[in-house]
Amino acid sequence: MEKPPEVETAPSGADEYIIGTHMMGSVNALCVPKEGLLISVGDDKGIQLWDLAAEKMLKRMENNRIVKCIVAMSETTIATGNEDGTIK
C-alpha cells in the first residue's frame, strides 16, 4: 500500500482573510492582471474589480449571465467565458 503524500502546513503566522464577497453563490474565477489588482466573477452575475493593497472593491459591473471564467483582460476590455461556450 502506497503512503499518502505529505500535507504541507501553512507557515507559522500565516493568515487567511476575506477582502470582499459576491452578493450570492460562488466565486467562479479570479484573475490578477497586474500587481495589486484582482478581478472576480461569480454566480451573482457580477464582475468585480478589487484593489488588493486597499482591500476594497473599485468597481462592480453587472452582467446578464453567470460568468464561469475570465479569459483575458487588457486596459479597456475584460473577456469572459460561460459554460454555454460563449466568449463575451
C-alpha atoms as a PDB file:
ATOM      1  CA  MET A   1       0.000   0.000   0.000  1.00  0.00           C
ATOM      2  CA  GLU A   2       1.384   3.391  -1.017  1.00  0.00           C
ATOM      3  CA  LYS A   3       1.997   6.011   1.610  1.00  0.00           C
ATOM      4  CA  PRO A   4      -0.256   9.094   1.064  1.00  0.00           C
ATOM      5  CA  PRO A   5       1.529  12.307   0.087  1.00  0.00           C
ATOM      6  CA  GLU A   6       2.539  14.532   2.948  1.00  0.00           C
ATOM      7  CA  VAL A   7       0.352  17.551   3.568  1.00  0.00           C
ATOM      8  CA  GLU A   8       2.203  20.830   3.849  1.00  0.00           C
ATOM      9  CA  THR A   9       1.056  23.189   6.556  1.00  0.00           C
ATOM     10  CA  ALA A  10       0.932  26.953   6.283  1.00  0.00           C
ATOM     11  CA  PRO A  11       3.914  28.798   7.757  1.00  0.00           C
ATOM     12  CA  SER A  12       3.578  29.993  11.315  1.00  0.00           C
ATOM     13  CA  GLY A  13       1.675  33.269  11.496  1.00  0.00           C
ATOM     14  CA  ALA A  14       0.104  32.905   8.028  1.00  0.00           C
ATOM     15  CA  ASP A  15      -3.389  34.352   7.831  1.00  0.00           C
ATOM     16  CA  GLU A  16      -6.344  33.873   5.565  1.00  0.00           C
ATOM     17  CA  TYR A  17      -8.686  36.800   5.253  1.00  0.00           C
ATOM     18  CA  ILE A  18     -11.646  37.947   3.240  1.00  0.00           C
ATOM     19  CA  ILE A  19     -11.252  41.139   1.232  1.00  0.00           C
ATOM     20  CA  GLY A  20     -14.811  41.016  -0.101  1.00  0.00           C
ATOM     21  CA  THR A  21     -17.660  38.850  -1.291  1.00  0.00           C
ATOM     22  CA  HIS A  22     -20.038  38.410  -4.167  1.00  0.00           C
ATOM     23  CA  MET A  23     -23.723  39.006  -3.488  1.00  0.00           C
ATOM     24  CA  MET A  24     -24.765  35.343  -3.788  1.00  0.00           C
ATOM     25  CA  GLY A  25     -23.494  31.950  -4.871  1.00  0.00           C
ATOM     26  CA  SER A  26     -19.911  31.066  -5.506  1.00  0.00           C
ATOM     27  CA  VAL A  27     -16.896  32.905  -6.869  1.00  0.00           C
ATOM     28  CA  ASN A  28     -16.195  31.185 -10.184  1.00  0.00           C
ATOM     29  CA  ALA A  29     -12.919  32.735 -11.269  1.00  0.00           C
ATOM     30  CA  LEU A  30     -10.173  35.100 -10.205  1.00  0.00           C
ATOM     31  CA  CYS A  31      -7.655  36.955 -12.339  1.00  0.00           C
ATOM     32  CA  VAL A  32      -4.663  39.082 -11.318  1.00  0.00           C
ATOM     33  CA  PRO A  33      -3.961  41.082 -14.489  1.00  0.00           C
ATOM     34  CA  LYS A  34      -1.316  43.260 -12.853  1.00  0.00           C
ATOM     35  CA  GLU A  35       0.256  43.795  -9.450  1.00  0.00           C
ATOM     36  CA  GLY A  36      -2.268  44.852  -6.829  1.00  0.00           C
ATOM     37  CA  LEU A  37      -5.360  44.371  -8.989  1.00  0.00           C
ATOM     38  CA  LEU A  38      -7.823  41.462  -8.802  1.00  0.00           C
ATOM     39  CA  ILE A  39     -10.888  40.641 -10.897  1.00  0.00           C
ATOM     40  CA  SER A  40     -13.509  38.217  -9.592  1.00  0.00           C
ATOM     41  CA  VAL A  41     -16.601  36.771 -11.255  1.00  0.00           C
ATOM     42  CA  GLY A  42     -19.398  34.825  -9.636  1.00  0.00           C
ATOM     43  CA  ASP A  43     -22.841  33.292  -9.683  1.00  0.00           C
ATOM     44  CA  ASP A  44     -24.379  36.702  -8.887  1.00  0.00           C
ATOM     45  CA  LYS A  45     -23.649  37.763 -12.496  1.00  0.00           C
ATOM     46  CA  GLY A  46     -21.174  40.331 -11.206  1.00  0.00           C
ATOM     47  CA  ILE A  47     -17.686  41.183 -12.391  1.00  0.00           C
ATOM     48  CA  GLN A  48     -15.796  42.910  -9.600  1.00  0.00           C
ATOM     49  CA  LEU A  49     -12.544  44.858  -9.746  1.00  0.00           C
ATOM     50  CA  TRP A  50     -10.545  44.918  -6.480  1.00  0.00           C
ATOM     51  CA  ASP A  51      -7.623  46.950  -5.139  1.00  0.00           C
ATOM     52  CA  LEU A  52      -5.659  44.359  -3.165  1.00  0.00           C
ATOM     53  CA  ALA A  53      -3.498  46.825  -1.221  1.00  0.00           C
ATOM     54  CA  ALA A  54      -6.513  48.839  -0.044  1.00  0.00           C
ATOM     55  CA  GLU A  55      -8.643  45.659   0.304  1.00  0.00           C
ATOM     56  CA  LYS A  56     -11.621  47.339  -1.334  1.00  0.00           C
ATOM     57  CA  MET A  57     -13.794  46.963  -4.390  1.00  0.00           C
ATOM     58  CA  LEU A  58     -13.116  49.581  -7.049  1.00  0.00           C
ATOM     59  CA  LYS A  59     -15.987  48.725  -9.373  1.00  0.00           C
ATOM     60  CA  ARG A  60     -18.802  46.227  -9.844  1.00  0.00           C
ATOM     61  CA  MET A  61     -20.180  45.537 -13.302  1.00  0.00           C
ATOM     62  CA  GLU A  62     -23.460  43.701 -13.806  1.00  0.00           C
ATOM     63  CA  ASN A  63     -23.738  41.014 -16.447  1.00  0.00           C
ATOM     64  CA  ASN A  64     -26.780  39.295 -17.957  1.00  0.00           C
ATOM     65  CA  ARG A  65     -25.437  35.802 -17.316  1.00  0.00           C
ATOM     66  CA  ILE A  66     -23.449  33.828 -14.777  1.00  0.00           C
ATOM     67  CA  VAL A  67     -19.772  34.089 -15.686  1.00  0.00           C
ATOM     68  CA  LYS A  68     -17.686  30.946 -15.222  1.00  0.00           C
ATOM     69  CA  CYS A  69     -14.209  32.181 -16.143  1.00  0.00           C
ATOM     70  CA  ILE A  70     -12.108  35.166 -17.102  1.00  0.00           C
ATOM     71  CA  VAL A  71     -10.418  34.574 -20.430  1.00  0.00           C
ATOM     72  CA  ALA A  72      -8.303  37.726 -20.755  1.00  0.00           C
ATOM     73  CA  MET A  73      -8.002  41.372 -19.795  1.00  0.00           C
ATOM     74  CA  SER A  74      -6.496  44.449 -21.406  1.00  0.00           C
ATOM     75  CA  GLU A  75      -6.520  48.097 -20.319  1.00  0.00           C
ATOM     76  CA  THR A  76     -10.075  48.545 -21.648  1.00  0.00           C
ATOM     77  CA  THR A  77     -11.597  45.054 -22.020  1.00  0.00           C
ATOM     78  CA  ILE A  78     -12.383  42.032 -19.861  1.00  0.00           C
ATOM     79  CA  ALA A  79     -13.200  38.901 -21.886  1.00  0.00           C
ATOM     80  CA  THR A  80     -15.236  36.242 -20.075  1.00  0.00           C
ATOM     81  CA  GLY A  81     -16.327  32.703 -20.858  1.00  0.00           C
ATOM     82  CA  ASN A  82     -19.514  30.868 -19.982  1.00  0.00           C
ATOM     83  CA  GLU A  83     -20.462  27.216 -19.705  1.00  0.00           C
ATOM     84  CA  ASP A  84     -22.623  27.542 -22.839  1.00  0.00           C
ATOM     85  CA  GLY A  85     -19.444  28.048 -24.880  1.00  0.00           C
ATOM     86  CA  THR A  86     -19.779  31.809 -25.430  1.00  0.00           C
ATOM     87  CA  ILE A  87     -16.958  34.313 -25.005  1.00  0.00           C
ATOM     88  CA  LYS A  88     -18.001  37.897 -24.376  1.00  0.00           C
END
